[in-house]
Amino acid sequence: MDTYTVAQIAKILDLSQKRVRQLLTEGKLTEVSRNPVQVAQAEVIALKETRAKSGQGKSYAPSAAQPIALEIQALIETINQNTQRALTALEQASEMKETALREQIASLQAERDQLRADLEAKSKRRLFRR
């Protein structure tokens, strides 16, 4: 006799192992052995067919939630793209500011060097005047 374990039954019926154990406790499935728990293959298949007929089994037809999930996925993709564009723009702006600051620093350093040179020249002229 072919049998299934609790894990196999859970996978076949698309249920949790806990729910399969509840079905065993409720008498909707019958154990053929206990260690490990085994249930006859025919009984599992019969329960699967019963669940499918009553609408309890997993439906493979697209559900009402599927279009919403697709919309959400599209929105997430749009958000990701917009976020990437914003990050790129911020990076470019940051690079431009950094370049401008470097130029300003270079200009201030050149001005400082010129002022130093002028100060040294004036100091030397005063030394020679005395």
N, C-alpha and C. Protein backbone atom coordinates (compact mmCIF):
# COMPACT_ATOMS: atom_id res chain seq x y z
N MET A 1 0.85 -1.17 0.00
CA MET A 1 0.00 0.00 0.00
C MET A 1 0.89 1.24 0.00
N ASP A 2 0.63 2.16 -0.93
CA ASP A 2 1.38 3.42 -0.99
C ASP A 2 0.85 4.38 0.06
N THR A 3 1.79 5.10 0.71
CA THR A 3 1.39 6.03 1.77
C THR A 3 2.14 7.35 1.61
N TYR A 4 1.64 8.35 2.33
CA TYR A 4 2.27 9.66 2.37
C TYR A 4 2.55 10.05 3.81
N THR A 5 3.63 10.83 4.00
CA THR A 5 3.93 11.37 5.32
C THR A 5 3.17 12.69 5.49
N VAL A 6 3.20 13.23 6.70
CA VAL A 6 2.51 14.49 6.98
C VAL A 6 3.06 15.60 6.08
N ALA A 7 4.37 15.65 5.92
CA ALA A 7 4.98 16.68 5.07
C ALA A 7 4.52 16.55 3.62
N GLN A 8 4.46 15.32 3.12
CA GLN A 8 4.02 15.10 1.74
C GLN A 8 2.54 15.48 1.58
N ILE A 9 1.74 15.12 2.56
CA ILE A 9 0.30 15.44 2.51
C ILE A 9 0.13 16.96 2.50
N ALA A 10 0.88 17.64 3.36
CA ALA A 10 0.79 19.09 3.44
C ALA A 10 1.10 19.72 2.09
N LYS A 11 2.10 19.20 1.42
CA LYS A 11 2.48 19.73 0.11
C LYS A 11 1.40 19.43 -0.93
N ILE A 12 0.88 18.23 -0.93
CA ILE A 12 -0.14 17.83 -1.90
C ILE A 12 -1.42 18.63 -1.74
N LEU A 13 -1.84 18.83 -0.47
CA LEU A 13 -3.09 19.53 -0.20
C LEU A 13 -2.90 21.04 -0.06
N ASP A 14 -1.66 21.50 -0.16
CA ASP A 14 -1.33 22.91 0.01
C ASP A 14 -1.81 23.42 1.37
N LEU A 15 -1.45 22.68 2.40
CA LEU A 15 -1.78 23.01 3.78
C LEU A 15 -0.51 23.00 4.61
N SER A 16 -0.62 23.50 5.83
CA SER A 16 0.53 23.40 6.74
C SER A 16 0.52 22.00 7.36
N GLN A 17 1.68 21.59 7.87
CA GLN A 17 1.75 20.29 8.53
C GLN A 17 0.86 20.28 9.77
N LYS A 18 0.74 21.43 10.44
CA LYS A 18 -0.13 21.53 11.61
C LYS A 18 -1.58 21.25 11.23
N ARG A 19 -2.02 21.81 10.08
CA ARG A 19 -3.40 21.59 9.63
C ARG A 19 -3.61 20.12 9.25
N VAL A 20 -2.61 19.49 8.67
CA VAL A 20 -2.73 18.06 8.34
C VAL A 20 -2.91 17.26 9.62
N ARG A 21 -2.17 17.59 10.66
CA ARG A 21 -2.33 16.89 11.95
C ARG A 21 -3.73 17.13 12.53
N GLN A 22 -4.27 18.33 12.32
CA GLN A 22 -5.64 18.61 12.77
C GLN A 22 -6.64 17.73 12.02
N LEU A 23 -6.42 17.56 10.72
CA LEU A 23 -7.30 16.69 9.93
C LEU A 23 -7.24 15.25 10.44
N LEU A 24 -6.05 14.83 10.86
CA LEU A 24 -5.91 13.49 11.44
C LEU A 24 -6.69 13.40 12.75
N THR A 25 -6.58 14.43 13.58
CA THR A 25 -7.28 14.45 14.87
C THR A 25 -8.79 14.49 14.65
N GLU A 26 -9.24 15.25 13.64
CA GLU A 26 -10.67 15.37 13.34
C GLU A 26 -11.23 14.10 12.69
N GLY A 27 -10.36 13.20 12.27
CA GLY A 27 -10.81 11.97 11.64
C GLY A 27 -11.05 12.10 10.15
N LYS A 28 -10.64 13.22 9.56
CA LYS A 28 -10.81 13.40 8.12
C LYS A 28 -9.74 12.65 7.34
N LEU A 29 -8.67 12.30 8.03
CA LEU A 29 -7.62 11.43 7.48
C LEU A 29 -7.35 10.35 8.53
N THR A 30 -6.98 9.15 8.05
CA THR A 30 -6.73 8.04 8.96
C THR A 30 -5.31 7.56 8.83
N GLU A 31 -4.63 7.45 9.96
CA GLU A 31 -3.25 6.96 9.97
C GLU A 31 -3.22 5.47 9.67
N VAL A 32 -2.23 5.04 8.88
CA VAL A 32 -2.02 3.61 8.69
C VAL A 32 -0.80 3.16 9.48
N SER A 33 0.04 4.13 9.87
CA SER A 33 1.14 3.84 10.79
C SER A 33 1.44 5.12 11.56
N ARG A 34 2.10 4.95 12.73
CA ARG A 34 2.30 6.09 13.61
C ARG A 34 3.70 6.67 13.62
N ASN A 35 4.72 5.88 13.44
CA ASN A 35 6.06 6.41 13.59
C ASN A 35 6.88 6.15 12.34
N PRO A 36 6.99 6.97 11.37
CA PRO A 36 6.31 8.26 11.27
C PRO A 36 4.85 8.08 10.85
N VAL A 37 4.09 9.17 11.04
CA VAL A 37 2.67 9.11 10.67
C VAL A 37 2.57 8.94 9.16
N GLN A 38 1.80 7.94 8.74
CA GLN A 38 1.60 7.66 7.32
C GLN A 38 0.10 7.56 7.06
N VAL A 39 -0.34 8.03 5.90
CA VAL A 39 -1.74 7.97 5.49
C VAL A 39 -1.78 7.36 4.10
N ALA A 40 -2.79 6.56 3.86
CA ALA A 40 -2.92 5.89 2.57
C ALA A 40 -3.04 6.91 1.44
N GLN A 41 -2.33 6.62 0.35
CA GLN A 41 -2.30 7.50 -0.80
C GLN A 41 -3.72 7.74 -1.34
N ALA A 42 -4.51 6.70 -1.44
CA ALA A 42 -5.87 6.81 -1.99
C ALA A 42 -6.72 7.75 -1.15
N GLU A 43 -6.53 7.72 0.18
CA GLU A 43 -7.31 8.58 1.07
C GLU A 43 -6.93 10.06 0.87
N VAL A 44 -5.65 10.30 0.69
CA VAL A 44 -5.18 11.68 0.47
C VAL A 44 -5.72 12.20 -0.86
N ILE A 45 -5.66 11.39 -1.89
CA ILE A 45 -6.15 11.80 -3.21
C ILE A 45 -7.65 12.05 -3.16
N ALA A 46 -8.38 11.21 -2.46
CA ALA A 46 -9.83 11.39 -2.33
C ALA A 46 -10.13 12.70 -1.60
N LEU A 47 -9.39 13.00 -0.54
CA LEU A 47 -9.60 14.25 0.20
C LEU A 47 -9.27 15.45 -0.69
N LYS A 48 -8.22 15.32 -1.48
CA LYS A 48 -7.84 16.41 -2.38
C LYS A 48 -8.96 16.69 -3.38
N GLU A 49 -9.53 15.63 -3.95
CA GLU A 49 -10.63 15.79 -4.91
C GLU A 49 -11.86 16.39 -4.24
N THR A 50 -12.16 15.97 -3.03
CA THR A 50 -13.30 16.50 -2.29
C THR A 50 -13.11 17.99 -2.03
N ARG A 51 -11.90 18.35 -1.60
CA ARG A 51 -11.60 19.76 -1.33
C ARG A 51 -11.69 20.60 -2.60
N ALA A 52 -11.25 20.03 -3.73
CA ALA A 52 -11.30 20.76 -5.00
C ALA A 52 -12.75 21.00 -5.42
N LYS A 53 -13.60 19.98 -5.26
CA LYS A 53 -15.01 20.11 -5.64
C LYS A 53 -15.74 21.12 -4.77
N SER A 54 -15.39 21.16 -3.49
CA SER A 54 -16.07 22.08 -2.56
C SER A 54 -15.46 23.48 -2.57
N GLY A 55 -14.41 23.67 -3.35
CA GLY A 55 -13.78 24.98 -3.44
C GLY A 55 -12.77 25.26 -2.35
N GLN A 56 -12.42 24.26 -1.56
CA GLN A 56 -11.44 24.45 -0.48
C GLN A 56 -10.01 24.30 -0.98
N GLY A 57 -9.84 23.58 -2.06
CA GLY A 57 -8.49 23.36 -2.58
C GLY A 57 -7.94 24.61 -3.22
N LYS A 58 -6.68 24.59 -3.52
CA LYS A 58 -6.04 25.73 -4.15
C LYS A 58 -6.56 25.87 -5.57
N SER A 59 -6.96 27.08 -5.89
CA SER A 59 -7.46 27.37 -7.22
C SER A 59 -6.32 27.92 -8.06
N TYR A 60 -6.18 27.40 -9.24
CA TYR A 60 -5.11 27.86 -10.11
C TYR A 60 -5.62 28.92 -11.08
N ALA A 61 -6.91 29.26 -10.99
CA ALA A 61 -7.43 30.34 -11.81
C ALA A 61 -6.95 31.66 -11.21
N PRO A 62 -6.72 32.65 -12.04
CA PRO A 62 -6.24 33.92 -11.49
C PRO A 62 -7.25 34.48 -10.50
N SER A 63 -6.78 34.90 -9.36
CA SER A 63 -7.66 35.44 -8.34
C SER A 63 -7.83 36.93 -8.56
N ALA A 64 -8.76 37.52 -7.82
CA ALA A 64 -9.00 38.96 -7.93
C ALA A 64 -7.79 39.74 -7.45
N ALA A 65 -7.01 39.14 -6.58
CA ALA A 65 -5.84 39.82 -6.03
C ALA A 65 -4.69 39.89 -7.03
N GLN A 66 -4.69 39.01 -8.02
CA GLN A 66 -3.57 38.98 -8.96
C GLN A 66 -3.38 40.29 -9.72
N PRO A 67 -4.46 40.90 -10.29
CA PRO A 67 -4.25 42.18 -10.97
C PRO A 67 -3.72 43.26 -10.02
N ILE A 68 -4.20 43.26 -8.79
CA ILE A 68 -3.73 44.23 -7.81
C ILE A 68 -2.25 43.99 -7.53
N ALA A 69 -1.87 42.74 -7.39
CA ALA A 69 -0.46 42.42 -7.15
C ALA A 69 0.40 42.88 -8.31
N LEU A 70 -0.10 42.73 -9.53
CA LEU A 70 0.65 43.19 -10.69
C LEU A 70 0.78 44.71 -10.70
N GLU A 71 -0.31 45.41 -10.31
CA GLU A 71 -0.26 46.87 -10.21
C GLU A 71 0.75 47.30 -9.16
N ILE A 72 0.74 46.62 -8.03
CA ILE A 72 1.68 46.94 -6.95
C ILE A 72 3.11 46.72 -7.43
N GLN A 73 3.34 45.62 -8.12
CA GLN A 73 4.67 45.34 -8.64
C GLN A 73 5.11 46.42 -9.62
N ALA A 74 4.19 46.88 -10.47
CA ALA A 74 4.51 47.95 -11.42
C ALA A 74 4.82 49.24 -10.68
N LEU A 75 4.06 49.54 -9.63
CA LEU A 75 4.31 50.75 -8.83
C LEU A 75 5.67 50.66 -8.15
N ILE A 76 5.98 49.51 -7.62
CA ILE A 76 7.28 49.33 -6.97
C ILE A 76 8.41 49.55 -7.97
N GLU A 77 8.25 49.03 -9.17
CA GLU A 77 9.26 49.20 -10.21
C GLU A 77 9.41 50.69 -10.57
N THR A 78 8.28 51.39 -10.69
CA THR A 78 8.31 52.82 -10.99
C THR A 78 9.01 53.59 -9.87
N ILE A 79 8.69 53.26 -8.63
CA ILE A 79 9.33 53.91 -7.48
C ILE A 79 10.83 53.65 -7.50
N ASN A 80 11.22 52.41 -7.78
CA ASN A 80 12.65 52.08 -7.85
C ASN A 80 13.36 52.89 -8.94
N GLN A 81 12.71 53.01 -10.10
CA GLN A 81 13.32 53.77 -11.21
C GLN A 81 13.43 55.25 -10.83
N ASN A 82 12.37 55.80 -10.26
CA ASN A 82 12.39 57.22 -9.87
C ASN A 82 13.42 57.47 -8.77
N THR A 83 13.53 56.55 -7.85
CA THR A 83 14.52 56.68 -6.78
C THR A 83 15.92 56.66 -7.37
N GLN A 84 16.15 55.77 -8.31
CA GLN A 84 17.47 55.68 -8.95
C GLN A 84 17.79 56.97 -9.70
N ARG A 85 16.79 57.54 -10.40
CA ARG A 85 17.01 58.80 -11.10
C ARG A 85 17.33 59.92 -10.11
N ALA A 86 16.59 59.96 -9.00
CA ALA A 86 16.82 61.01 -7.99
C ALA A 86 18.21 60.87 -7.39
N LEU A 87 18.62 59.65 -7.10
CA LEU A 87 19.95 59.43 -6.55
C LEU A 87 21.04 59.86 -7.53
N THR A 88 20.84 59.56 -8.80
CA THR A 88 21.80 59.96 -9.83
C THR A 88 21.87 61.48 -9.92
N ALA A 89 20.70 62.15 -9.88
CA ALA A 89 20.68 63.61 -9.93
C ALA A 89 21.37 64.21 -8.71
N LEU A 90 21.13 63.64 -7.53
CA LEU A 90 21.80 64.12 -6.32
C LEU A 90 23.31 63.92 -6.40
N GLU A 91 23.71 62.80 -6.93
CA GLU A 91 25.14 62.53 -7.08
C GLU A 91 25.78 63.54 -8.02
N GLN A 92 25.10 63.83 -9.13
CA GLN A 92 25.63 64.81 -10.08
C GLN A 92 25.69 66.20 -9.45
N ALA A 93 24.64 66.57 -8.72
CA ALA A 93 24.63 67.88 -8.06
C ALA A 93 25.74 67.96 -7.03
N SER A 94 25.96 66.88 -6.31
CA SER A 94 27.02 66.84 -5.31
C SER A 94 28.39 67.00 -5.97
N GLU A 95 28.58 66.34 -7.09
CA GLU A 95 29.84 66.45 -7.81
C GLU A 95 30.06 67.88 -8.32
N MET A 96 28.97 68.51 -8.80
CA MET A 96 29.08 69.89 -9.28
C MET A 96 29.43 70.84 -8.13
N LYS A 97 28.79 70.65 -6.98
CA LYS A 97 29.09 71.48 -5.82
C LYS A 97 30.53 71.27 -5.37
N GLU A 98 30.96 70.03 -5.37
CA GLU A 98 32.33 69.73 -4.96
C GLU A 98 33.33 70.41 -5.90
N THR A 99 33.04 70.35 -7.20
CA THR A 99 33.92 70.99 -8.18
C THR A 99 33.95 72.50 -7.95
N ALA A 100 32.78 73.10 -7.72
CA ALA A 100 32.71 74.54 -7.48
C ALA A 100 33.47 74.92 -6.22
N LEU A 101 33.32 74.11 -5.17
CA LEU A 101 34.04 74.38 -3.92
C LEU A 101 35.55 74.26 -4.11
N ARG A 102 35.99 73.26 -4.86
CA ARG A 102 37.42 73.09 -5.12
C ARG A 102 37.97 74.31 -5.87
N GLU A 103 37.20 74.78 -6.86
CA GLU A 103 37.61 75.96 -7.61
C GLU A 103 37.68 77.18 -6.71
N GLN A 104 36.68 77.33 -5.83
CA GLN A 104 36.66 78.46 -4.91
C GLN A 104 37.85 78.38 -3.94
N ILE A 105 38.14 77.17 -3.44
CA ILE A 105 39.29 76.99 -2.55
C ILE A 105 40.58 77.36 -3.28
N ALA A 106 40.71 76.88 -4.52
CA ALA A 106 41.92 77.18 -5.30
C ALA A 106 42.04 78.69 -5.51
N SER A 107 40.93 79.36 -5.79
CA SER A 107 40.94 80.81 -5.99
C SER A 107 41.33 81.53 -4.69
N LEU A 108 40.76 81.09 -3.57
CA LEU A 108 41.11 81.70 -2.28
C LEU A 108 42.57 81.46 -1.91
N GLN A 109 43.07 80.27 -2.23
CA GLN A 109 44.48 79.98 -1.96
C GLN A 109 45.38 80.87 -2.81
N ALA A 110 45.00 81.06 -4.06
CA ALA A 110 45.78 81.93 -4.94
C ALA A 110 45.75 83.36 -4.42
N GLU A 111 44.57 83.79 -3.97
CA GLU A 111 44.45 85.15 -3.41
C GLU A 111 45.29 85.28 -2.14
N ARG A 112 45.26 84.25 -1.29
CA ARG A 112 46.08 84.24 -0.08
C ARG A 112 47.56 84.34 -0.41
N ASP A 113 47.97 83.53 -1.38
CA ASP A 113 49.38 83.54 -1.79
C ASP A 113 49.79 84.91 -2.33
N GLN A 114 48.90 85.53 -3.08
CA GLN A 114 49.19 86.87 -3.63
C GLN A 114 49.29 87.90 -2.50
N LEU A 115 48.36 87.81 -1.53
CA LEU A 115 48.40 88.74 -0.40
C LEU A 115 49.68 88.55 0.43
N ARG A 116 50.08 87.30 0.61
CA ARG A 116 51.34 87.01 1.32
C ARG A 116 52.53 87.63 0.59
N ALA A 117 52.52 87.43 -0.72
CA ALA A 117 53.62 87.98 -1.52
C ALA A 117 53.64 89.50 -1.43
N ASP A 118 52.44 90.11 -1.52
CA ASP A 118 52.37 91.58 -1.40
C ASP A 118 52.85 92.04 -0.04
N LEU A 119 52.44 91.31 1.02
CA LEU A 119 52.85 91.66 2.38
C LEU A 119 54.36 91.53 2.55
N GLU A 120 54.92 90.46 2.03
CA GLU A 120 56.37 90.28 2.11
C GLU A 120 57.11 91.39 1.35
N ALA A 121 56.56 91.75 0.19
CA ALA A 121 57.19 92.82 -0.61
C ALA A 121 57.15 94.14 0.15
N LYS A 122 56.02 94.46 0.78
CA LYS A 122 55.91 95.69 1.55
C LYS A 122 56.84 95.67 2.75
N SER A 123 56.92 94.47 3.39
CA SER A 123 57.80 94.36 4.56
C SER A 123 59.25 94.59 4.15
N LYS A 124 59.66 94.07 3.03
CA LYS A 124 61.04 94.24 2.55
C LYS A 124 61.31 95.69 2.21
N ARG A 125 60.32 96.39 1.62
CA ARG A 125 60.50 97.80 1.28
C ARG A 125 60.68 98.64 2.53
N ARG A 126 59.94 98.31 3.60
CA ARG A 126 60.04 99.06 4.85
C ARG A 126 61.40 98.83 5.49
N LEU A 127 61.91 97.59 5.37
CA LEU A 127 63.21 97.31 5.95
C LEU A 127 64.30 98.13 5.29
N PHE A 128 64.19 98.32 3.98
CA PHE A 128 65.21 99.05 3.24
C PHE A 128 65.07 100.55 3.40
N ARG A 129 63.92 101.08 3.80
CA ARG A 129 63.70 102.51 3.93
C ARG A 129 64.37 103.05 5.19
N ARG A 130 64.53 102.33 6.22
CA ARG A 130 65.06 102.80 7.47
C ARG A 130 66.48 103.01 7.40
